[in-house]
Amino acid sequence: MENMLQILPQVLVDGLTLGFMYAVVALGYTMVYGILEFINFSHGEIFMVGAFIGTEVLLIMDALGGLQGLNPFIALLMALVISMIITGMLGVGIERVAYRPLRNSPRLVPLISAIGVSFLLQDVVRFAEALHRDAFYLTGPILFPGKLDIGIAQIPTKALIVIVTAIVLMIVLSFFINKTKWGIAMRAVAQDQSTASLMTINVDKVIMLTFLIGSSLGGATGVLFAQNYGTIDPYIGFILGMKAFTAAVLGGIGNVRGAMVGGVLLGVIESLSGAYLGPLTNGAFGGEYKDVIAFSILILVLLFKPEGLFGEAVKEKV
């Protein structure tokens, strides 16, 4: 028990790092669902594309000698901005081609389209990387390799950068949604598309903006993920995307604050499960069962509180 308590601060640091990544990706799911009421299952692959774009940017800068003597914060900012621009435009393109023509179709139809886009992005990235580097995975430079010793735990600098950047992104998004004209328009469209259109709100532009912002956040998180773990592959978006979706459901799908809290909570629970499940069960269940814990939470939430922690139960209109 003493050993378990000693590693608790480090486990919490790892859980918060993972949780904030889940939270930012979950925002993309919850924003799209809040307006269109459908799950954009290609969002995990947009996250993956962002990871590859950001890593490629850093590798190109390194090959050209640009990383030598360059402030790592500036290098990371450049990778984040380029990745957010490209993934944002990718999200807009996906909405225009794969979702908008199916907007009035039964809900299952755009869902199948989203799954198809997901597989397409996986294969395109895998083919491009195999053609370019003779391998489908990619290992990039770590800009912040050091650690910050706070006594009770050692916080990797890259983990601290992930947490701070994720918090900044969430604060900016919250301000945008609650305080700006377009944010108010997004909330109006989420409330009632027909009424919003009668009030001269361009619903198509609002939906396009939603995909732009959500995909940009996913791309930025991909860059942070690559910095934190070093090696990425075309399939990282599937599991992380599913867990981010679980976080969105846990917090209340369609609720921005719920996505943030759900992501952090799920990351901490997963980290605690990976560290303590083995000792608590005398080795019967190891850390590899942390994914089972995560998806068990999804099942329990759907069974007993389907509206999530911060969501509101929808009353049927008779």
C-alpha atoms as a PDB file:
ATOM      1  CA  MET A   1       0.000   0.000   0.000  1.00  0.00           C
ATOM      2  CA  GLU A   2       2.877   2.374   0.801  1.00  0.00           C
ATOM      3  CA  ASN A   3       4.367   1.856  -2.664  1.00  0.00           C
ATOM      4  CA  MET A   4       0.988   2.551  -4.227  1.00  0.00           C
ATOM      5  CA  LEU A   5       0.702   5.837  -2.361  1.00  0.00           C
ATOM      6  CA  GLN A   6       4.237   6.835  -3.364  1.00  0.00           C
ATOM      7  CA  ILE A   7       3.501   6.570  -7.065  1.00  0.00           C
ATOM      8  CA  LEU A   8       0.066   8.222  -6.799  1.00  0.00           C
ATOM      9  CA  PRO A   9       1.267  11.780  -7.685  1.00  0.00           C
ATOM     10  CA  GLN A  10       3.046  10.475 -10.791  1.00  0.00           C
ATOM     11  CA  VAL A  11      -0.013   8.460 -11.796  1.00  0.00           C
ATOM     12  CA  LEU A  12      -2.204  11.556 -11.432  1.00  0.00           C
ATOM     13  CA  VAL A  13       0.187  13.597 -13.598  1.00  0.00           C
ATOM     14  CA  ASP A  14       0.029  10.936 -16.329  1.00  0.00           C
ATOM     15  CA  GLY A  15      -3.746  10.764 -15.995  1.00  0.00           C
ATOM     16  CA  LEU A  16      -4.186  14.524 -16.278  1.00  0.00           C
ATOM     17  CA  THR A  17      -1.941  14.632 -19.351  1.00  0.00           C
ATOM     18  CA  LEU A  18      -3.981  11.942 -21.072  1.00  0.00           C
ATOM     19  CA  GLY A  19      -7.245  13.368 -19.788  1.00  0.00           C
ATOM     20  CA  PHE A  20      -6.689  16.835 -21.212  1.00  0.00           C
ATOM     21  CA  MET A  21      -5.950  15.285 -24.628  1.00  0.00           C
ATOM     22  CA  TYR A  22      -9.201  13.309 -24.397  1.00  0.00           C
ATOM     23  CA  ALA A  23     -11.012  16.510 -23.390  1.00  0.00           C
ATOM     24  CA  VAL A  24      -9.894  18.565 -26.403  1.00  0.00           C
ATOM     25  CA  VAL A  25     -10.709  15.772 -28.862  1.00  0.00           C
ATOM     26  CA  ALA A  26     -14.058  15.215 -27.111  1.00  0.00           C
ATOM     27  CA  LEU A  27     -14.922  18.857 -27.806  1.00  0.00           C
ATOM     28  CA  GLY A  28     -14.971  18.065 -31.537  1.00  0.00           C
ATOM     29  CA  TYR A  29     -17.453  15.242 -30.997  1.00  0.00           C
ATOM     30  CA  THR A  30     -19.695  17.239 -28.708  1.00  0.00           C
ATOM     31  CA  MET A  31     -19.764  20.377 -30.908  1.00  0.00           C
ATOM     32  CA  VAL A  32     -20.870  18.440 -33.992  1.00  0.00           C
ATOM     33  CA  TYR A  33     -23.414  16.421 -32.033  1.00  0.00           C
ATOM     34  CA  GLY A  34     -24.784  19.551 -30.381  1.00  0.00           C
ATOM     35  CA  ILE A  35     -25.688  21.018 -33.775  1.00  0.00           C
ATOM     36  CA  LEU A  36     -26.316  18.054 -36.101  1.00  0.00           C
ATOM     37  CA  GLU A  37     -27.112  15.335 -33.516  1.00  0.00           C
ATOM     38  CA  PHE A  38     -24.848  12.815 -35.169  1.00  0.00           C
ATOM     39  CA  ILE A  39     -21.489  11.335 -34.178  1.00  0.00           C
ATOM     40  CA  ASN A  40     -18.602  12.311 -36.442  1.00  0.00           C
ATOM     41  CA  PHE A  41     -16.633   9.066 -36.161  1.00  0.00           C
ATOM     42  CA  SER A  42     -13.982  10.379 -38.565  1.00  0.00           C
ATOM     43  CA  HIS A  43     -12.903  12.893 -35.916  1.00  0.00           C
ATOM     44  CA  GLY A  44     -10.375  10.456 -34.448  1.00  0.00           C
ATOM     45  CA  GLU A  45      -8.672  10.198 -37.832  1.00  0.00           C
ATOM     46  CA  ILE A  46      -8.555  14.000 -38.147  1.00  0.00           C
ATOM     47  CA  PHE A  47      -6.666  13.923 -34.850  1.00  0.00           C
ATOM     48  CA  MET A  48      -4.313  11.348 -36.398  1.00  0.00           C
ATOM     49  CA  VAL A  49      -3.764  13.480 -39.515  1.00  0.00           C
ATOM     50  CA  GLY A  50      -2.922  16.430 -37.263  1.00  0.00           C
ATOM     51  CA  ALA A  51      -0.309  14.325 -35.460  1.00  0.00           C
ATOM     52  CA  PHE A  52       1.352  13.401 -38.767  1.00  0.00           C
ATOM     53  CA  ILE A  53       1.232  16.943 -40.150  1.00  0.00           C
ATOM     54  CA  GLY A  54       2.744  18.463 -37.000  1.00  0.00           C
ATOM     55  CA  THR A  55       5.468  15.822 -36.841  1.00  0.00           C
ATOM     56  CA  GLU A  56       6.299  16.223 -40.533  1.00  0.00           C
ATOM     57  CA  VAL A  57       6.578  20.000 -40.056  1.00  0.00           C
ATOM     58  CA  LEU A  58       9.060  19.491 -37.220  1.00  0.00           C
ATOM     59  CA  LEU A  59      11.022  16.886 -39.208  1.00  0.00           C
ATOM     60  CA  ILE A  60      11.262  19.227 -42.206  1.00  0.00           C
ATOM     61  CA  MET A  61      12.409  22.065 -39.952  1.00  0.00           C
ATOM     62  CA  ASP A  62      14.972  19.748 -38.359  1.00  0.00           C
ATOM     63  CA  ALA A  63      16.262  18.567 -41.759  1.00  0.00           C
ATOM     64  CA  LEU A  64      16.685  22.183 -42.863  1.00  0.00           C
ATOM     65  CA  GLY A  65      18.502  23.026 -39.634  1.00  0.00           C
ATOM     66  CA  GLY A  66      15.652  25.187 -38.446  1.00  0.00           C
ATOM     67  CA  LEU A  67      15.294  23.526 -35.037  1.00  0.00           C
ATOM     68  CA  GLN A  68      18.895  24.259 -34.084  1.00  0.00           C
ATOM     69  CA  GLY A  69      18.939  27.446 -32.067  1.00  0.00           C
ATOM     70  CA  LEU A  70      15.191  27.983 -32.526  1.00  0.00           C
ATOM     71  CA  ASN A  71      13.079  28.473 -29.442  1.00  0.00           C
ATOM     72  CA  PRO A  72      11.155  25.171 -28.960  1.00  0.00           C
ATOM     73  CA  PHE A  73       7.993  27.100 -28.072  1.00  0.00           C
ATOM     74  CA  ILE A  74       8.097  28.836 -31.454  1.00  0.00           C
ATOM     75  CA  ALA A  75       8.700  25.509 -33.226  1.00  0.00           C
ATOM     76  CA  LEU A  76       5.743  23.943 -31.404  1.00  0.00           C
ATOM     77  CA  LEU A  77       3.558  26.964 -32.161  1.00  0.00           C
ATOM     78  CA  MET A  78       4.405  26.711 -35.868  1.00  0.00           C
ATOM     79  CA  ALA A  79       3.569  22.989 -35.891  1.00  0.00           C
ATOM     80  CA  LEU A  80       0.298  23.647 -34.048  1.00  0.00           C
ATOM     81  CA  VAL A  81      -0.793  26.472 -36.352  1.00  0.00           C
ATOM     82  CA  ILE A  82       0.012  24.607 -39.583  1.00  0.00           C
ATOM     83  CA  SER A  83      -1.654  21.438 -38.320  1.00  0.00           C
ATOM     84  CA  MET A  84      -4.761  23.334 -37.155  1.00  0.00           C
ATOM     85  CA  ILE A  85      -5.132  25.131 -40.487  1.00  0.00           C
ATOM     86  CA  ILE A  86      -4.816  21.956 -42.565  1.00  0.00           C
ATOM     87  CA  THR A  87      -7.010  19.760 -40.345  1.00  0.00           C
ATOM     88  CA  GLY A  88      -9.572  22.557 -40.059  1.00  0.00           C
ATOM     89  CA  MET A  89      -9.845  22.754 -43.838  1.00  0.00           C
ATOM     90  CA  LEU A  90      -9.937  18.958 -43.977  1.00  0.00           C
ATOM     91  CA  GLY A  91     -12.881  18.947 -41.570  1.00  0.00           C
ATOM     92  CA  VAL A  92     -14.705  21.539 -43.685  1.00  0.00           C
ATOM     93  CA  GLY A  93     -14.067  19.464 -46.819  1.00  0.00           C
ATOM     94  CA  ILE A  94     -15.356  16.297 -45.166  1.00  0.00           C
ATOM     95  CA  GLU A  95     -18.519  18.082 -44.026  1.00  0.00           C
ATOM     96  CA  ARG A  96     -19.099  19.501 -47.511  1.00  0.00           C
ATOM     97  CA  VAL A  97     -18.523  16.243 -49.403  1.00  0.00           C
ATOM     98  CA  ALA A  98     -19.493  13.427 -47.014  1.00  0.00           C
ATOM     99  CA  TYR A  99     -22.101  14.914 -44.657  1.00  0.00           C
ATOM    100  CA  ARG A 100     -23.952  17.864 -46.153  1.00  0.00           C
ATOM    101  CA  PRO A 101     -25.554  15.886 -49.024  1.00  0.00           C
ATOM    102  CA  LEU A 102     -26.817  13.397 -46.417  1.00  0.00           C
ATOM    103  CA  ARG A 103     -28.113  15.949 -43.908  1.00  0.00           C
ATOM    104  CA  ASN A 104     -31.798  15.055 -44.360  1.00  0.00           C
ATOM    105  CA  SER A 105     -31.159  11.308 -44.578  1.00  0.00           C
ATOM    106  CA  PRO A 106     -31.825   8.839 -41.753  1.00  0.00           C
ATOM    107  CA  ARG A 107     -29.191   9.160 -39.005  1.00  0.00           C
ATOM    108  CA  LEU A 108     -27.602   5.824 -39.860  1.00  0.00           C
ATOM    109  CA  VAL A 109     -26.597   7.046 -43.335  1.00  0.00           C
ATOM    110  CA  PRO A 110     -24.194   9.869 -42.299  1.00  0.00           C
ATOM    111  CA  LEU A 111     -22.857   7.570 -39.574  1.00  0.00           C
ATOM    112  CA  ILE A 112     -21.853   5.008 -42.219  1.00  0.00           C
ATOM    113  CA  SER A 113     -20.365   7.823 -44.289  1.00  0.00           C
ATOM    114  CA  ALA A 114     -18.301   8.932 -41.279  1.00  0.00           C
ATOM    115  CA  ILE A 115     -16.946   5.422 -40.780  1.00  0.00           C
ATOM    116  CA  GLY A 116     -16.051   5.279 -44.486  1.00  0.00           C
ATOM    117  CA  VAL A 117     -14.169   8.597 -44.243  1.00  0.00           C
ATOM    118  CA  SER A 118     -12.353   7.238 -41.199  1.00  0.00           C
ATOM    119  CA  PHE A 119     -11.043   4.195 -43.089  1.00  0.00           C
ATOM    120  CA  LEU A 120     -10.173   6.361 -46.091  1.00  0.00           C
ATOM    121  CA  LEU A 121      -8.022   8.718 -44.012  1.00  0.00           C
ATOM    122  CA  GLN A 122      -6.248   5.795 -42.343  1.00  0.00           C
ATOM    123  CA  ASP A 123      -5.334   4.245 -45.677  1.00  0.00           C
ATOM    124  CA  VAL A 124      -4.324   7.534 -47.310  1.00  0.00           C
ATOM    125  CA  VAL A 125      -1.913   8.371 -44.482  1.00  0.00           C
ATOM    126  CA  ARG A 126      -0.593   4.807 -44.331  1.00  0.00           C
ATOM    127  CA  PHE A 127       0.034   4.790 -48.091  1.00  0.00           C
ATOM    128  CA  ALA A 128       1.651   8.243 -48.052  1.00  0.00           C
ATOM    129  CA  GLU A 129       4.006   7.402 -45.192  1.00  0.00           C
ATOM    130  CA  ALA A 130       4.944   3.999 -46.613  1.00  0.00           C
ATOM    131  CA  LEU A 131       5.662   5.633 -49.982  1.00  0.00           C
ATOM    132  CA  HIS A 132       7.627   8.502 -48.445  1.00  0.00           C
ATOM    133  CA  ARG A 133       9.523   6.769 -45.618  1.00  0.00           C
ATOM    134  CA  ASP A 134       9.177   3.028 -46.300  1.00  0.00           C
ATOM    135  CA  ALA A 135       7.246   2.672 -43.037  1.00  0.00           C
ATOM    136  CA  PHE A 136       3.707   3.458 -41.952  1.00  0.00           C
ATOM    137  CA  TYR A 137       4.749   4.820 -38.542  1.00  0.00           C
ATOM    138  CA  LEU A 138       6.578   8.063 -37.826  1.00  0.00           C
ATOM    139  CA  THR A 139       8.951   9.115 -35.054  1.00  0.00           C
ATOM    140  CA  GLY A 140       9.541  12.821 -34.631  1.00  0.00           C
ATOM    141  CA  PRO A 141      11.718  15.123 -32.512  1.00  0.00           C
ATOM    142  CA  ILE A 142      10.710  15.825 -28.906  1.00  0.00           C
ATOM    143  CA  LEU A 143      11.001  19.558 -28.279  1.00  0.00           C
ATOM    144  CA  PHE A 144      10.802  19.363 -24.484  1.00  0.00           C
ATOM    145  CA  PRO A 145      12.743  16.281 -23.281  1.00  0.00           C
ATOM    146  CA  GLY A 146      13.389  17.448 -19.698  1.00  0.00           C
ATOM    147  CA  LYS A 147      11.527  16.932 -16.442  1.00  0.00           C
ATOM    148  CA  LEU A 148      10.350  19.247 -13.693  1.00  0.00           C
ATOM    149  CA  ASP A 149      10.960  17.858 -10.203  1.00  0.00           C
ATOM    150  CA  ILE A 150       8.322  19.075  -7.730  1.00  0.00           C
ATOM    151  CA  GLY A 151       9.354  16.735  -4.919  1.00  0.00           C
ATOM    152  CA  ILE A 152       6.365  14.397  -4.810  1.00  0.00           C
ATOM    153  CA  ALA A 153       6.545  13.724  -8.564  1.00  0.00           C
ATOM    154  CA  GLN A 154       8.577  14.373 -11.676  1.00  0.00           C
ATOM    155  CA  ILE A 155       6.515  16.113 -14.318  1.00  0.00           C
ATOM    156  CA  PRO A 156       7.849  15.668 -17.870  1.00  0.00           C
ATOM    157  CA  THR A 157       8.116  19.088 -19.475  1.00  0.00           C
ATOM    158  CA  LYS A 158       6.277  17.780 -22.550  1.00  0.00           C
ATOM    159  CA  ALA A 159       3.372  16.672 -20.321  1.00  0.00           C
ATOM    160  CA  LEU A 160       3.224  20.122 -18.748  1.00  0.00           C
ATOM    161  CA  ILE A 161       3.170  21.680 -22.230  1.00  0.00           C
ATOM    162  CA  VAL A 162       0.286  19.359 -23.202  1.00  0.00           C
ATOM    163  CA  ILE A 163      -1.760  20.314 -20.129  1.00  0.00           C
ATOM    164  CA  VAL A 164      -1.159  24.060 -20.437  1.00  0.00           C
ATOM    165  CA  THR A 165      -1.846  24.114 -24.193  1.00  0.00           C
ATOM    166  CA  ALA A 166      -5.019  22.066 -23.779  1.00  0.00           C
ATOM    167  CA  ILE A 167      -6.269  24.393 -21.039  1.00  0.00           C
ATOM    168  CA  VAL A 168      -5.577  27.450 -23.222  1.00  0.00           C
ATOM    169  CA  LEU A 169      -7.439  25.893 -26.158  1.00  0.00           C
ATOM    170  CA  MET A 170     -10.440  25.063 -23.978  1.00  0.00           C
ATOM    171  CA  ILE A 171     -10.538  28.571 -22.455  1.00  0.00           C
ATOM    172  CA  VAL A 172     -10.385  30.180 -25.915  1.00  0.00           C
ATOM    173  CA  LEU A 173     -13.164  27.894 -27.185  1.00  0.00           C
ATOM    174  CA  SER A 174     -15.334  28.613 -24.152  1.00  0.00           C
ATOM    175  CA  PHE A 175     -14.873  32.370 -24.661  1.00  0.00           C
ATOM    176  CA  PHE A 176     -15.665  32.036 -28.378  1.00  0.00           C
ATOM    177  CA  ILE A 177     -18.882  30.089 -27.795  1.00  0.00           C
ATOM    178  CA  ASN A 178     -20.180  32.275 -24.969  1.00  0.00           C
ATOM    179  CA  LYS A 179     -19.006  35.768 -25.899  1.00  0.00           C
ATOM    180  CA  THR A 180     -18.766  36.125 -29.677  1.00  0.00           C
ATOM    181  CA  LYS A 181     -21.417  36.666 -32.345  1.00  0.00           C
ATOM    182  CA  TRP A 182     -20.589  33.411 -34.148  1.00  0.00           C
ATOM    183  CA  GLY A 183     -20.547  31.516 -30.873  1.00  0.00           C
ATOM    184  CA  ILE A 184     -24.038  32.754 -30.052  1.00  0.00           C
ATOM    185  CA  ALA A 185     -25.116  31.754 -33.567  1.00  0.00           C
ATOM    186  CA  MET A 186     -23.742  28.255 -32.972  1.00  0.00           C
ATOM    187  CA  ARG A 187     -25.727  27.971 -29.753  1.00  0.00           C
ATOM    188  CA  ALA A 188     -28.860  29.202 -31.533  1.00  0.00           C
ATOM    189  CA  VAL A 189     -28.470  26.624 -34.322  1.00  0.00           C
ATOM    190  CA  ALA A 190     -27.890  23.898 -31.726  1.00  0.00           C
ATOM    191  CA  GLN A 191     -31.121  24.945 -30.019  1.00  0.00           C
ATOM    192  CA  ASP A 192     -33.321  25.061 -33.130  1.00  0.00           C
ATOM    193  CA  GLN A 193     -32.046  25.147 -36.718  1.00  0.00           C
ATOM    194  CA  SER A 194     -35.356  26.203 -38.258  1.00  0.00           C
ATOM    195  CA  THR A 195     -35.897  29.117 -35.882  1.00  0.00           C
ATOM    196  CA  ALA A 196     -32.256  30.178 -36.232  1.00  0.00           C
ATOM    197  CA  SER A 197     -32.558  30.284 -40.034  1.00  0.00           C
ATOM    198  CA  LEU A 198     -35.691  32.456 -39.718  1.00  0.00           C
ATOM    199  CA  MET A 199     -33.603  34.879 -37.640  1.00  0.00           C
ATOM    200  CA  THR A 200     -31.225  35.350 -40.623  1.00  0.00           C
ATOM    201  CA  ILE A 201     -28.557  32.991 -39.250  1.00  0.00           C
ATOM    202  CA  ASN A 202     -26.781  31.144 -42.063  1.00  0.00           C
ATOM    203  CA  VAL A 203     -27.068  27.568 -40.793  1.00  0.00           C
ATOM    204  CA  ASP A 204     -24.686  26.128 -43.412  1.00  0.00           C
ATOM    205  CA  LYS A 205     -21.947  28.592 -42.440  1.00  0.00           C
ATOM    206  CA  VAL A 206     -22.438  27.845 -38.744  1.00  0.00           C
ATOM    207  CA  ILE A 207     -22.149  24.103 -39.367  1.00  0.00           C
ATOM    208  CA  MET A 208     -19.055  24.676 -41.528  1.00  0.00           C
ATOM    209  CA  LEU A 209     -17.529  26.794 -38.745  1.00  0.00           C
ATOM    210  CA  THR A 210     -18.301  24.061 -36.226  1.00  0.00           C
ATOM    211  CA  PHE A 211     -16.395  21.502 -38.284  1.00  0.00           C
ATOM    212  CA  LEU A 212     -13.560  23.988 -38.830  1.00  0.00           C
ATOM    213  CA  ILE A 213     -13.103  24.636 -35.112  1.00  0.00           C
ATOM    214  CA  GLY A 214     -13.642  21.039 -33.983  1.00  0.00           C
ATOM    215  CA  SER A 215     -11.227  19.647 -36.573  1.00  0.00           C
ATOM    216  CA  SER A 216      -8.629  22.308 -35.758  1.00  0.00           C
ATOM    217  CA  LEU A 217      -8.770  21.330 -32.096  1.00  0.00           C
ATOM    218  CA  GLY A 218      -8.394  17.674 -33.074  1.00  0.00           C
ATOM    219  CA  GLY A 219      -5.355  18.494 -35.220  1.00  0.00           C
ATOM    220  CA  ALA A 220      -3.743  20.495 -32.409  1.00  0.00           C
ATOM    221  CA  THR A 221      -4.264  17.600 -29.999  1.00  0.00           C
ATOM    222  CA  GLY A 222      -2.607  15.277 -32.505  1.00  0.00           C
ATOM    223  CA  VAL A 223       0.527  17.446 -32.408  1.00  0.00           C
ATOM    224  CA  LEU A 224       0.502  17.369 -28.593  1.00  0.00           C
ATOM    225  CA  PHE A 225       0.035  13.588 -28.627  1.00  0.00           C
ATOM    226  CA  ALA A 226       3.006  13.130 -30.973  1.00  0.00           C
ATOM    227  CA  GLN A 227       5.153  15.340 -28.735  1.00  0.00           C
ATOM    228  CA  ASN A 228       4.150  13.375 -25.651  1.00  0.00           C
ATOM    229  CA  TYR A 229       4.613   9.857 -27.030  1.00  0.00           C
ATOM    230  CA  GLY A 230       7.156  10.349 -29.825  1.00  0.00           C
ATOM    231  CA  THR A 231       5.979   7.647 -32.257  1.00  0.00           C
ATOM    232  CA  ILE A 232       2.679   7.736 -34.150  1.00  0.00           C
ATOM    233  CA  ASP A 233       0.949   5.528 -36.723  1.00  0.00           C
ATOM    234  CA  PRO A 234      -2.200   5.781 -38.884  1.00  0.00           C
ATOM    235  CA  TYR A 235      -4.261   3.825 -36.354  1.00  0.00           C
ATOM    236  CA  ILE A 236      -3.757   5.984 -33.250  1.00  0.00           C
ATOM    237  CA  GLY A 237      -6.968   7.873 -33.995  1.00  0.00           C
ATOM    238  CA  PHE A 238      -9.264   4.881 -33.586  1.00  0.00           C
ATOM    239  CA  ILE A 239      -8.765   4.007 -29.906  1.00  0.00           C
ATOM    240  CA  LEU A 240      -8.125   7.578 -28.780  1.00  0.00           C
ATOM    241  CA  GLY A 241     -11.130   8.775 -30.773  1.00  0.00           C
ATOM    242  CA  MET A 242     -13.354   6.144 -29.172  1.00  0.00           C
ATOM    243  CA  LYS A 243     -12.134   7.113 -25.712  1.00  0.00           C
ATOM    244  CA  ALA A 244     -12.688  10.795 -26.458  1.00  0.00           C
ATOM    245  CA  PHE A 245     -16.213   9.878 -27.563  1.00  0.00           C
ATOM    246  CA  THR A 246     -16.603   7.997 -24.261  1.00  0.00           C
ATOM    247  CA  ALA A 247     -15.458  11.148 -22.457  1.00  0.00           C
ATOM    248  CA  ALA A 248     -18.024  13.220 -24.358  1.00  0.00           C
ATOM    249  CA  VAL A 249     -20.796  10.775 -23.406  1.00  0.00           C
ATOM    250  CA  LEU A 250     -19.577  10.687 -19.797  1.00  0.00           C
ATOM    251  CA  GLY A 251     -19.725  14.464 -19.524  1.00  0.00           C
ATOM    252  CA  GLY A 252     -22.924  14.789 -21.541  1.00  0.00           C
ATOM    253  CA  ILE A 253     -22.751  14.630 -25.332  1.00  0.00           C
ATOM    254  CA  GLY A 254     -23.482  18.065 -26.754  1.00  0.00           C
ATOM    255  CA  ASN A 255     -22.306  19.831 -23.578  1.00  0.00           C
ATOM    256  CA  VAL A 256     -18.946  21.629 -23.953  1.00  0.00           C
ATOM    257  CA  ARG A 257     -18.235  21.819 -20.231  1.00  0.00           C
ATOM    258  CA  GLY A 258     -19.179  18.158 -19.898  1.00  0.00           C
ATOM    259  CA  ALA A 259     -16.701  17.160 -22.623  1.00  0.00           C
ATOM    260  CA  MET A 260     -13.904  18.942 -20.777  1.00  0.00           C
ATOM    261  CA  VAL A 261     -14.684  17.388 -17.398  1.00  0.00           C
ATOM    262  CA  GLY A 262     -15.432  13.969 -18.888  1.00  0.00           C
ATOM    263  CA  GLY A 263     -12.102  13.879 -20.723  1.00  0.00           C
ATOM    264  CA  VAL A 264     -10.045  14.756 -17.654  1.00  0.00           C
ATOM    265  CA  LEU A 265     -12.017  12.340 -15.477  1.00  0.00           C
ATOM    266  CA  LEU A 266     -11.636   9.472 -17.951  1.00  0.00           C
ATOM    267  CA  GLY A 267      -7.889  10.074 -18.306  1.00  0.00           C
ATOM    268  CA  VAL A 268      -7.373   9.977 -14.532  1.00  0.00           C
ATOM    269  CA  ILE A 269      -9.520   6.837 -14.161  1.00  0.00           C
ATOM    270  CA  GLU A 270      -7.615   5.115 -16.963  1.00  0.00           C
ATOM    271  CA  SER A 271      -4.249   6.043 -15.460  1.00  0.00           C
ATOM    272  CA  LEU A 272      -5.285   4.824 -12.003  1.00  0.00           C
ATOM    273  CA  SER A 273      -6.576   1.572 -13.527  1.00  0.00           C
ATOM    274  CA  GLY A 274      -3.326   0.964 -15.401  1.00  0.00           C
ATOM    275  CA  ALA A 275      -1.228   1.526 -12.272  1.00  0.00           C
ATOM    276  CA  TYR A 276      -3.320  -0.109  -9.556  1.00  0.00           C
ATOM    277  CA  LEU A 277      -5.489  -2.767 -11.179  1.00  0.00           C
ATOM    278  CA  GLY A 278      -2.716  -5.391 -11.016  1.00  0.00           C
ATOM    279  CA  PRO A 279      -1.749  -4.880  -7.353  1.00  0.00           C
ATOM    280  CA  LEU A 280      -5.362  -4.612  -6.182  1.00  0.00           C
ATOM    281  CA  THR A 281      -6.355  -7.885  -7.892  1.00  0.00           C
ATOM    282  CA  ASN A 282      -3.137  -9.756  -7.023  1.00  0.00           C
ATOM    283  CA  GLY A 283      -2.165  -9.916 -10.679  1.00  0.00           C
ATOM    284  CA  ALA A 284      -5.486 -11.335 -11.883  1.00  0.00           C
ATOM    285  CA  PHE A 285      -6.021  -8.214 -14.005  1.00  0.00           C
ATOM    286  CA  GLY A 286      -3.121  -6.151 -15.289  1.00  0.00           C
ATOM    287  CA  GLY A 287      -2.764  -2.667 -16.619  1.00  0.00           C
ATOM    288  CA  GLU A 288      -3.769  -3.862 -20.076  1.00  0.00           C
ATOM    289  CA  TYR A 289      -7.365  -3.964 -18.828  1.00  0.00           C
ATOM    290  CA  LYS A 290      -7.507  -0.167 -18.553  1.00  0.00           C
ATOM    291  CA  ASP A 291      -9.278  -0.032 -21.927  1.00  0.00           C
ATOM    292  CA  VAL A 292     -11.911  -2.417 -20.575  1.00  0.00           C
ATOM    293  CA  ILE A 293     -12.451  -0.047 -17.656  1.00  0.00           C
ATOM    294  CA  ALA A 294     -12.841   2.927 -20.017  1.00  0.00           C
ATOM    295  CA  PHE A 295     -15.470   1.261 -22.194  1.00  0.00           C
ATOM    296  CA  SER A 296     -17.211  -0.258 -19.190  1.00  0.00           C
ATOM    297  CA  ILE A 297     -17.733   3.316 -18.007  1.00  0.00           C
ATOM    298  CA  LEU A 298     -19.358   4.098 -21.367  1.00  0.00           C
ATOM    299  CA  ILE A 299     -21.754   1.159 -20.982  1.00  0.00           C
ATOM    300  CA  LEU A 300     -22.653   2.093 -17.400  1.00  0.00           C
ATOM    301  CA  VAL A 301     -23.270   5.735 -18.304  1.00  0.00           C
ATOM    302  CA  LEU A 302     -25.509   4.739 -21.209  1.00  0.00           C
ATOM    303  CA  LEU A 303     -27.426   2.352 -18.961  1.00  0.00           C
ATOM    304  CA  PHE A 304     -27.959   4.516 -15.870  1.00  0.00           C
ATOM    305  CA  LYS A 305     -27.416   8.144 -16.915  1.00  0.00           C
ATOM    306  CA  PRO A 306     -27.500   8.368 -20.727  1.00  0.00           C
ATOM    307  CA  GLU A 307     -27.577  12.178 -20.624  1.00  0.00           C
ATOM    308  CA  GLY A 308     -24.141  12.194 -18.918  1.00  0.00           C
ATOM    309  CA  LEU A 309     -22.873  14.128 -15.912  1.00  0.00           C
ATOM    310  CA  PHE A 310     -23.756  17.591 -17.235  1.00  0.00           C
ATOM    311  CA  GLY A 311     -26.319  16.759 -19.905  1.00  0.00           C
ATOM    312  CA  GLU A 312     -30.020  17.216 -19.537  1.00  0.00           C
ATOM    313  CA  ALA A 313     -32.571  14.505 -20.143  1.00  0.00           C
ATOM    314  CA  VAL A 314     -34.495  15.240 -23.331  1.00  0.00           C
ATOM    315  CA  LYS A 315     -38.252  15.122 -22.861  1.00  0.00           C
ATOM    316  CA  GLU A 316     -40.263  13.774 -25.740  1.00  0.00           C
ATOM    317  CA  LYS A 317     -42.774  16.203 -27.178  1.00  0.00           C
ATOM    318  CA  VAL A 318     -46.237  14.763 -27.515  1.00  0.00           C
END
